[in-house]
């Protein structure tokens, strides 16, 4: 805040000169004019009046200056008060601005931390989903490979089932070999031969019996037909 201006005071020379003039006025007024001084008294009176008028004007001027100084001092005081008020408001605004900036920094820091946590969580989730997807793809590949192997084995099994029929000589040859020298297909073919061969023998036997029975049945039918024809030919 700028220092207040001090009111100006009249100097000692001005005060002494005023007192001298006033004393001169008093001496002029109290002096009794003589006959010789009649002609010069008018000049002195005019000069005294002129000096008095100048003193009055000077006093008025000093008074006006003093009033202006008072008014200027009052305005300076008002300006100083306004400056102080403005400075107080500026300090308040600066304090509020600093608080707002601090809150902004805290909020930005909090948002940055939250963003980092969110990004880290998203990264973990993406890594987990990637692992799950890789595991699913690996399992799919394994299943596809297993399915391919099963299809190949099924084809081999179908082909091996078609090749299970053995001749008696081949059966006797395989039967003479140790089990660790026989493949699974050959082992199954041997067991198949052991089961099927008796059935085939029974089938042949049943076929022969069926043929015999069929022939016998045909003979009986022929006899029955002959008897029926004879009966119709010779009625009783």
C-alpha atoms as a PDB file:
ATOM      1  CA  UNK A   1       0.000   0.000   0.000  1.00  0.00           C
ATOM      2  CA  UNK A   2       1.570   3.380  -0.936  1.00  0.00           C
ATOM      3  CA  UNK A   3       2.306   5.759   1.962  1.00  0.00           C
ATOM      4  CA  UNK A   4      -0.232   8.440   2.582  1.00  0.00           C
ATOM      5  CA  UNK A   5       0.783  11.877   1.440  1.00  0.00           C
ATOM      6  CA  UNK A   6       1.373  14.424   4.214  1.00  0.00           C
ATOM      7  CA  UNK A   7      -0.353  17.793   4.107  1.00  0.00           C
ATOM      8  CA  UNK A   8       1.968  20.667   3.182  1.00  0.00           C
ATOM      9  CA  UNK A   9       2.487  23.381   5.816  1.00  0.00           C
ATOM     10  CA  UNK A  10       3.453  27.047   5.098  1.00  0.00           C
ATOM     11  CA  UNK A  11       7.154  27.781   5.610  1.00  0.00           C
ATOM     12  CA  UNK A  12       8.539  30.084   8.350  1.00  0.00           C
ATOM     13  CA  UNK A  13       9.494  32.750   5.792  1.00  0.00           C
ATOM     14  CA  UNK A  14       5.924  33.002   4.600  1.00  0.00           C
ATOM     15  CA  UNK A  15       4.644  33.305   8.170  1.00  0.00           C
ATOM     16  CA  UNK A  16       7.175  35.995   9.104  1.00  0.00           C
ATOM     17  CA  UNK A  17       6.455  37.998   5.959  1.00  0.00           C
ATOM     18  CA  UNK A  18       2.755  37.905   6.737  1.00  0.00           C
ATOM     19  CA  UNK A  19       3.397  39.127  10.270  1.00  0.00           C
ATOM     20  CA  UNK A  20       5.600  41.950   8.987  1.00  0.00           C
ATOM     21  CA  UNK A  21       2.932  43.065   6.584  1.00  0.00           C
ATOM     22  CA  UNK A  22       0.294  42.984   9.286  1.00  0.00           C
ATOM     23  CA  UNK A  23       2.494  45.001  11.638  1.00  0.00           C
ATOM     24  CA  UNK A  24       3.062  47.506   8.885  1.00  0.00           C
ATOM     25  CA  UNK A  25      -0.700  47.764   8.426  1.00  0.00           C
ATOM     26  CA  UNK A  26      -1.117  48.413  12.123  1.00  0.00           C
ATOM     27  CA  UNK A  27       1.593  51.035  12.177  1.00  0.00           C
ATOM     28  CA  UNK A  28       0.062  52.761   9.184  1.00  0.00           C
ATOM     29  CA  UNK A  29      -3.315  52.827  10.779  1.00  0.00           C
ATOM     30  CA  UNK A  30      -2.074  54.231  14.125  1.00  0.00           C
ATOM     31  CA  UNK A  31       0.321  56.885  12.704  1.00  0.00           C
ATOM     32  CA  UNK A  32      -1.079  60.415  12.743  1.00  0.00           C
ATOM     33  CA  UNK A  33      -0.386  62.118   9.416  1.00  0.00           C
ATOM     34  CA  UNK A  34       1.342  65.452   9.403  1.00  0.00           C
ATOM     35  CA  UNK A  35       0.835  68.309   6.986  1.00  0.00           C
ATOM     36  CA  UNK A  36       3.940  67.301   5.074  1.00  0.00           C
ATOM     37  CA  UNK A  37       2.723  63.766   4.690  1.00  0.00           C
ATOM     38  CA  UNK A  38      -0.755  64.573   3.301  1.00  0.00           C
ATOM     39  CA  UNK A  39       0.348  64.126  -0.273  1.00  0.00           C
ATOM     40  CA  UNK A  40       2.136  60.843   0.385  1.00  0.00           C
ATOM     41  CA  UNK A  41      -0.553  59.387   2.690  1.00  0.00           C
ATOM     42  CA  UNK A  42      -2.817  58.609  -0.246  1.00  0.00           C
ATOM     43  CA  UNK A  43      -0.053  56.750  -1.976  1.00  0.00           C
ATOM     44  CA  UNK A  44       0.718  54.814   1.166  1.00  0.00           C
ATOM     45  CA  UNK A  45      -2.996  54.053   1.701  1.00  0.00           C
ATOM     46  CA  UNK A  46      -3.300  52.776  -1.834  1.00  0.00           C
ATOM     47  CA  UNK A  47      -0.183  50.701  -1.373  1.00  0.00           C
ATOM     48  CA  UNK A  48      -1.476  49.365   1.928  1.00  0.00           C
ATOM     49  CA  UNK A  49      -4.793  48.436   0.368  1.00  0.00           C
ATOM     50  CA  UNK A  50      -2.974  46.743  -2.464  1.00  0.00           C
ATOM     51  CA  UNK A  51      -0.823  44.771  -0.028  1.00  0.00           C
ATOM     52  CA  UNK A  52      -3.898  43.857   2.022  1.00  0.00           C
ATOM     53  CA  UNK A  53      -5.696  42.679  -1.092  1.00  0.00           C
ATOM     54  CA  UNK A  54      -2.678  40.607  -2.062  1.00  0.00           C
ATOM     55  CA  UNK A  55      -2.567  39.119   1.424  1.00  0.00           C
ATOM     56  CA  UNK A  56      -6.243  38.252   1.224  1.00  0.00           C
ATOM     57  CA  UNK A  57      -5.797  36.696  -2.184  1.00  0.00           C
ATOM     58  CA  UNK A  58      -2.769  34.846  -0.880  1.00  0.00           C
ATOM     59  CA  UNK A  59      -4.703  33.574   2.125  1.00  0.00           C
ATOM     60  CA  UNK A  60      -7.567  32.510  -0.114  1.00  0.00           C
ATOM     61  CA  UNK A  61      -5.100  30.774  -2.411  1.00  0.00           C
ATOM     62  CA  UNK A  62      -3.447  29.041   0.534  1.00  0.00           C
ATOM     63  CA  UNK A  63      -6.861  28.084   1.865  1.00  0.00           C
ATOM     64  CA  UNK A  64      -7.888  26.684  -1.506  1.00  0.00           C
ATOM     65  CA  UNK A  65      -4.598  24.811  -1.744  1.00  0.00           C
ATOM     66  CA  UNK A  66      -5.189  23.463   1.738  1.00  0.00           C
ATOM     67  CA  UNK A  67      -8.687  22.321   0.725  1.00  0.00           C
ATOM     68  CA  UNK A  68      -7.294  20.696  -2.397  1.00  0.00           C
ATOM     69  CA  UNK A  69      -4.659  18.949  -0.305  1.00  0.00           C
ATOM     70  CA  UNK A  70      -7.355  17.694   2.058  1.00  0.00           C
ATOM     71  CA  UNK A  71      -9.471  16.524  -0.873  1.00  0.00           C
ATOM     72  CA  UNK A  72      -6.420  14.889  -2.459  1.00  0.00           C
ATOM     73  CA  UNK A  73      -5.566  13.202   0.830  1.00  0.00           C
ATOM     74  CA  UNK A  74      -9.139  11.927   1.133  1.00  0.00           C
ATOM     75  CA  UNK A  75      -9.063  10.623  -2.441  1.00  0.00           C
ATOM     76  CA  UNK A  76      -5.685   9.022  -1.814  1.00  0.00           C
ATOM     77  CA  UNK A  77      -7.163   7.386   1.264  1.00  0.00           C
ATOM     78  CA  UNK A  78     -10.121   6.140  -0.790  1.00  0.00           C
ATOM     79  CA  UNK A  79      -7.725   4.854  -3.453  1.00  0.00           C
ATOM     80  CA  UNK A  80      -5.610   3.149  -0.804  1.00  0.00           C
ATOM     81  CA  UNK A  81      -8.716   1.536   0.678  1.00  0.00           C
ATOM     82  CA  UNK A  82      -9.815   0.414  -2.783  1.00  0.00           C
ATOM     83  CA  UNK A  83      -6.332  -0.955  -3.442  1.00  0.00           C
ATOM     84  CA  UNK A  84      -6.374  -2.780  -0.127  1.00  0.00           C
ATOM     85  CA  UNK A  85      -9.835  -4.171  -0.913  1.00  0.00           C
ATOM     86  CA  UNK A  86      -8.705  -5.237  -4.366  1.00  0.00           C
ATOM     87  CA  UNK A  87      -5.544  -6.807  -2.974  1.00  0.00           C
ATOM     88  CA  UNK A  88      -7.642  -8.699  -0.438  1.00  0.00           C
ATOM     89  CA  UNK A  89      -9.945  -9.922  -3.187  1.00  0.00           C
ATOM     90  CA  UNK A  90      -6.948 -10.854  -5.342  1.00  0.00           C
ATOM     91  CA  UNK A  91      -5.425 -12.804  -2.453  1.00  0.00           C
ATOM     92  CA  UNK A  92      -8.755 -14.545  -1.873  1.00  0.00           C
ATOM     93  CA  UNK A  93      -9.063 -15.385  -5.572  1.00  0.00           C
ATOM     94  CA  UNK A  94      -5.456 -16.612  -5.662  1.00  0.00           C
ATOM     95  CA  UNK A  95      -6.126 -18.785  -2.624  1.00  0.00           C
ATOM     96  CA  UNK A  96      -9.271 -20.196  -4.224  1.00  0.00           C
ATOM     97  CA  UNK A  97      -7.345 -20.732  -7.465  1.00  0.00           C
ATOM     98  CA  UNK A  98      -4.597 -22.568  -5.596  1.00  0.00           C
ATOM     99  CA  UNK A  99      -7.211 -24.716  -3.837  1.00  0.00           C
ATOM    100  CA  UNK A 100      -8.864 -25.479  -7.181  1.00  0.00           C
ATOM    101  CA  UNK A 101      -5.504 -26.361  -8.746  1.00  0.00           C
ATOM    102  CA  UNK A 102      -4.687 -28.599  -5.797  1.00  0.00           C
ATOM    103  CA  UNK A 103      -8.046 -30.339  -6.037  1.00  0.00           C
ATOM    104  CA  UNK A 104      -7.488 -30.711  -9.786  1.00  0.00           C
ATOM    105  CA  UNK A 105      -4.089 -32.307  -9.185  1.00  0.00           C
ATOM    106  CA  UNK A 106      -5.569 -34.665  -6.597  1.00  0.00           C
ATOM    107  CA  UNK A 107      -8.418 -35.569  -8.956  1.00  0.00           C
ATOM    108  CA  UNK A 108      -6.047 -36.091 -11.896  1.00  0.00           C
ATOM    109  CA  UNK A 109      -3.801 -38.279  -9.747  1.00  0.00           C
ATOM    110  CA  UNK A 110      -6.791 -40.280  -8.547  1.00  0.00           C
ATOM    111  CA  UNK A 111      -8.085 -40.688 -12.107  1.00  0.00           C
ATOM    112  CA  UNK A 112      -4.626 -41.732 -13.297  1.00  0.00           C
ATOM    113  CA  UNK A 113      -4.426 -44.363 -10.562  1.00  0.00           C
ATOM    114  CA  UNK A 114      -7.928 -45.599 -11.372  1.00  0.00           C
ATOM    115  CA  UNK A 115      -7.057 -45.702 -15.082  1.00  0.00           C
ATOM    116  CA  UNK A 116      -3.896 -47.679 -14.358  1.00  0.00           C
ATOM    117  CA  UNK A 117      -5.842 -50.135 -12.192  1.00  0.00           C
ATOM    118  CA  UNK A 118      -8.505 -50.503 -14.897  1.00  0.00           C
ATOM    119  CA  UNK A 119      -5.886 -51.019 -17.596  1.00  0.00           C
ATOM    120  CA  UNK A 120      -4.087 -53.597 -15.445  1.00  0.00           C
ATOM    121  CA  UNK A 121      -7.356 -55.429 -14.774  1.00  0.00           C
ATOM    122  CA  UNK A 122      -8.216 -55.368 -18.483  1.00  0.00           C
ATOM    123  CA  UNK A 123      -4.747 -56.672 -19.307  1.00  0.00           C
ATOM    124  CA  UNK A 124      -5.178 -59.531 -16.836  1.00  0.00           C
ATOM    125  CA  UNK A 125      -8.627 -60.340 -18.220  1.00  0.00           C
ATOM    126  CA  UNK A 126      -7.305 -60.306 -21.793  1.00  0.00           C
ATOM    127  CA  UNK A 127      -4.398 -62.562 -20.811  1.00  0.00           C
ATOM    128  CA  UNK A 128      -6.815 -64.926 -19.046  1.00  0.00           C
ATOM    129  CA  UNK A 129      -9.167 -65.014 -22.053  1.00  0.00           C
ATOM    130  CA  UNK A 130      -6.175 -65.604 -24.332  1.00  0.00           C
ATOM    131  CA  UNK A 131      -5.070 -68.539 -22.188  1.00  0.00           C
ATOM    132  CA  UNK A 132      -8.591 -69.945 -22.182  1.00  0.00           C
ATOM    133  CA  UNK A 133      -8.816 -69.558 -25.967  1.00  0.00           C
ATOM    134  CA  UNK A 134      -5.446 -71.237 -26.441  1.00  0.00           C
ATOM    135  CA  UNK A 135      -6.542 -74.079 -24.148  1.00  0.00           C
ATOM    136  CA  UNK A 136      -9.790 -74.467 -26.132  1.00  0.00           C
ATOM    137  CA  UNK A 137      -7.907 -74.495 -29.439  1.00  0.00           C
ATOM    138  CA  UNK A 138      -5.415 -77.033 -28.080  1.00  0.00           C
ATOM    139  CA  UNK A 139      -8.243 -79.227 -26.808  1.00  0.00           C
ATOM    140  CA  UNK A 140      -9.971 -78.937 -30.187  1.00  0.00           C
ATOM    141  CA  UNK A 141      -6.780 -79.973 -31.969  1.00  0.00           C
ATOM    142  CA  UNK A 142      -6.374 -82.895 -29.583  1.00  0.00           C
ATOM    143  CA  UNK A 143      -9.970 -83.997 -30.170  1.00  0.00           C
ATOM    144  CA  UNK A 144      -9.536 -83.680 -33.931  1.00  0.00           C
ATOM    145  CA  UNK A 145      -6.367 -85.772 -33.763  1.00  0.00           C
ATOM    146  CA  UNK A 146      -8.083 -88.329 -31.538  1.00  0.00           C
ATOM    147  CA  UNK A 147     -11.032 -88.468 -33.933  1.00  0.00           C
ATOM    148  CA  UNK A 148      -8.664 -88.940 -36.877  1.00  0.00           C
ATOM    149  CA  UNK A 149      -6.862 -91.745 -35.065  1.00  0.00           C
ATOM    150  CA  UNK A 150     -10.166 -93.392 -34.150  1.00  0.00           C
ATOM    151  CA  UNK A 151     -11.324 -93.166 -37.764  1.00  0.00           C
ATOM    152  CA  UNK A 152      -8.078 -94.756 -38.897  1.00  0.00           C
ATOM    153  CA  UNK A 153      -8.419 -97.488 -36.288  1.00  0.00           C
ATOM    154  CA  UNK A 154     -12.045 -98.078 -37.296  1.00  0.00           C
ATOM    155  CA  UNK A 155     -10.958 -98.443 -40.914  1.00  0.00           C
ATOM    156  CA  UNK A 156      -8.199-100.803 -39.914  1.00  0.00           C
ATOM    157  CA  UNK A 157     -10.665-102.772 -37.797  1.00  0.00           C
ATOM    158  CA  UNK A 158     -13.106-103.045 -40.672  1.00  0.00           C
ATOM    159  CA  UNK A 159     -10.317-104.200 -42.968  1.00  0.00           C
ATOM    160  CA  UNK A 160      -9.055-106.634 -40.367  1.00  0.00           C
ATOM    161  CA  UNK A 161     -12.540-108.070 -39.879  1.00  0.00           C
ATOM    162  CA  UNK A 162     -12.710-108.692 -43.583  1.00  0.00           C
ATOM    163  CA  UNK A 163      -9.394-110.550 -43.376  1.00  0.00           C
ATOM    164  CA  UNK A 164     -10.305-112.788 -40.421  1.00  0.00           C
ATOM    165  CA  UNK A 165     -11.077-115.826 -42.580  1.00  0.00           C
ATOM    166  CA  UNK A 166      -8.202-118.311 -42.283  1.00  0.00           C
ATOM    167  CA  UNK A 167      -7.520-121.539 -44.072  1.00  0.00           C
ATOM    168  CA  UNK A 168      -6.890-124.677 -42.075  1.00  0.00           C
ATOM    169  CA  UNK A 169      -3.228-124.689 -43.090  1.00  0.00           C
ATOM    170  CA  UNK A 170      -2.784-121.017 -42.038  1.00  0.00           C
ATOM    171  CA  UNK A 171      -4.555-121.762 -38.760  1.00  0.00           C
ATOM    172  CA  UNK A 172      -2.267-124.691 -38.056  1.00  0.00           C
ATOM    173  CA  UNK A 173       0.743-122.513 -38.931  1.00  0.00           C
ATOM    174  CA  UNK A 174      -0.295-119.720 -36.580  1.00  0.00           C
ATOM    175  CA  UNK A 175      -1.195-122.158 -33.853  1.00  0.00           C
ATOM    176  CA  UNK A 176       2.363-123.453 -33.873  1.00  0.00           C
ATOM    177  CA  UNK A 177       3.788-119.951 -33.230  1.00  0.00           C
ATOM    178  CA  UNK A 178       4.349-118.411 -29.759  1.00  0.00           C
ATOM    179  CA  UNK A 179       1.728-115.866 -28.721  1.00  0.00           C
ATOM    180  CA  UNK A 180       4.250-113.014 -28.586  1.00  0.00           C
ATOM    181  CA  UNK A 181       4.999-113.627 -32.274  1.00  0.00           C
ATOM    182  CA  UNK A 182       1.336-113.376 -33.289  1.00  0.00           C
ATOM    183  CA  UNK A 183      -0.291-110.028 -34.076  1.00  0.00           C
ATOM    184  CA  UNK A 184      -3.611-109.042 -32.600  1.00  0.00           C
ATOM    185  CA  UNK A 185      -5.309-109.432 -35.962  1.00  0.00           C
ATOM    186  CA  UNK A 186      -3.884-112.944 -36.363  1.00  0.00           C
ATOM    187  CA  UNK A 187      -4.864-113.811 -32.802  1.00  0.00           C
ATOM    188  CA  UNK A 188      -8.438-112.642 -33.409  1.00  0.00           C
ATOM    189  CA  UNK A 189      -8.506-114.537 -36.722  1.00  0.00           C
ATOM    190  CA  UNK A 190      -7.444-117.713 -34.905  1.00  0.00           C
ATOM    191  CA  UNK A 191     -10.158-117.302 -32.297  1.00  0.00           C
ATOM    192  CA  UNK A 192     -12.640-116.509 -35.032  1.00  0.00           C
ATOM    193  CA  UNK A 193     -11.579-119.675 -36.887  1.00  0.00           C
ATOM    194  CA  UNK A 194     -11.953-121.753 -33.717  1.00  0.00           C
ATOM    195  CA  UNK A 195     -15.490-120.458 -33.216  1.00  0.00           C
ATOM    196  CA  UNK A 196     -16.623-120.419 -36.829  1.00  0.00           C
ATOM    197  CA  UNK A 197     -15.171-123.758 -37.997  1.00  0.00           C
ATOM    198  CA  UNK A 198     -17.418-125.897 -35.753  1.00  0.00           C
ATOM    199  CA  UNK A 199     -20.349-123.759 -36.749  1.00  0.00           C
ATOM    200  CA  UNK A 200     -19.495-124.269 -40.384  1.00  0.00           C
ATOM    201  CA  UNK A 201     -19.305-128.035 -39.814  1.00  0.00           C
ATOM    202  CA  UNK A 202     -22.676-127.940 -38.109  1.00  0.00           C
ATOM    203  CA  UNK A 203     -23.982-125.840 -40.959  1.00  0.00           C
ATOM    204  CA  UNK A 204     -22.774-128.397 -43.498  1.00  0.00           C
ATOM    205  CA  UNK A 205     -24.285-131.191 -41.442  1.00  0.00           C
ATOM    206  CA  UNK A 206     -27.565-129.350 -41.123  1.00  0.00           C
ATOM    207  CA  UNK A 207     -27.539-128.638 -44.832  1.00  0.00           C
ATOM    208  CA  UNK A 208     -27.103-132.335 -45.565  1.00  0.00           C
ATOM    209  CA  UNK A 209     -29.892-133.228 -43.138  1.00  0.00           C
ATOM    210  CA  UNK A 210     -32.072-130.578 -44.696  1.00  0.00           C
ATOM    211  CA  UNK A 211     -31.455-132.051 -48.138  1.00  0.00           C
ATOM    212  CA  UNK A 212     -32.277-135.539 -46.868  1.00  0.00           C
ATOM    213  CA  UNK A 213     -35.425-134.391 -45.159  1.00  0.00           C
ATOM    214  CA  UNK A 214     -36.403-132.443 -48.231  1.00  0.00           C
ATOM    215  CA  UNK A 215     -35.959-135.537 -50.403  1.00  0.00           C
ATOM    216  CA  UNK A 216     -37.917-137.642 -47.948  1.00  0.00           C
ATOM    217  CA  UNK A 217     -40.633-135.024 -47.836  1.00  0.00           C
ATOM    218  CA  UNK A 218     -40.785-134.964 -51.592  1.00  0.00           C
ATOM    219  CA  UNK A 219     -41.145-138.774 -51.619  1.00  0.00           C
ATOM    220  CA  UNK A 220     -43.971-138.598 -49.082  1.00  0.00           C
ATOM    221  CA  UNK A 221     -45.691-135.915 -51.125  1.00  0.00           C
ATOM    222  CA  UNK A 222     -45.360-138.037 -54.238  1.00  0.00           C
ATOM    223  CA  UNK A 223     -46.814-141.058 -52.438  1.00  0.00           C
ATOM    224  CA  UNK A 224     -49.651-138.956 -51.020  1.00  0.00           C
ATOM    225  CA  UNK A 225     -50.402-137.611 -54.433  1.00  0.00           C
ATOM    226  CA  UNK A 226     -50.401-141.096 -55.936  1.00  0.00           C
ATOM    227  CA  UNK A 227     -52.703-142.435 -53.225  1.00  0.00           C
ATOM    228  CA  UNK A 228     -55.092-139.548 -53.709  1.00  0.00           C
ATOM    229  CA  UNK A 229     -55.184-140.120 -57.425  1.00  0.00           C
ATOM    230  CA  UNK A 230     -55.818-143.840 -56.948  1.00  0.00           C
ATOM    231  CA  UNK A 231     -58.611-143.128 -54.523  1.00  0.00           C
ATOM    232  CA  UNK A 232     -60.311-140.810 -56.946  1.00  0.00           C
ATOM    233  CA  UNK A 233     -59.916-143.329 -59.718  1.00  0.00           C
ATOM    234  CA  UNK A 234     -61.414-146.327 -57.723  1.00  0.00           C
ATOM    235  CA  UNK A 235     -64.160-144.959 -55.485  1.00  0.00           C
ATOM    236  CA  UNK A 236     -65.750-147.445 -53.071  1.00  0.00           C
END
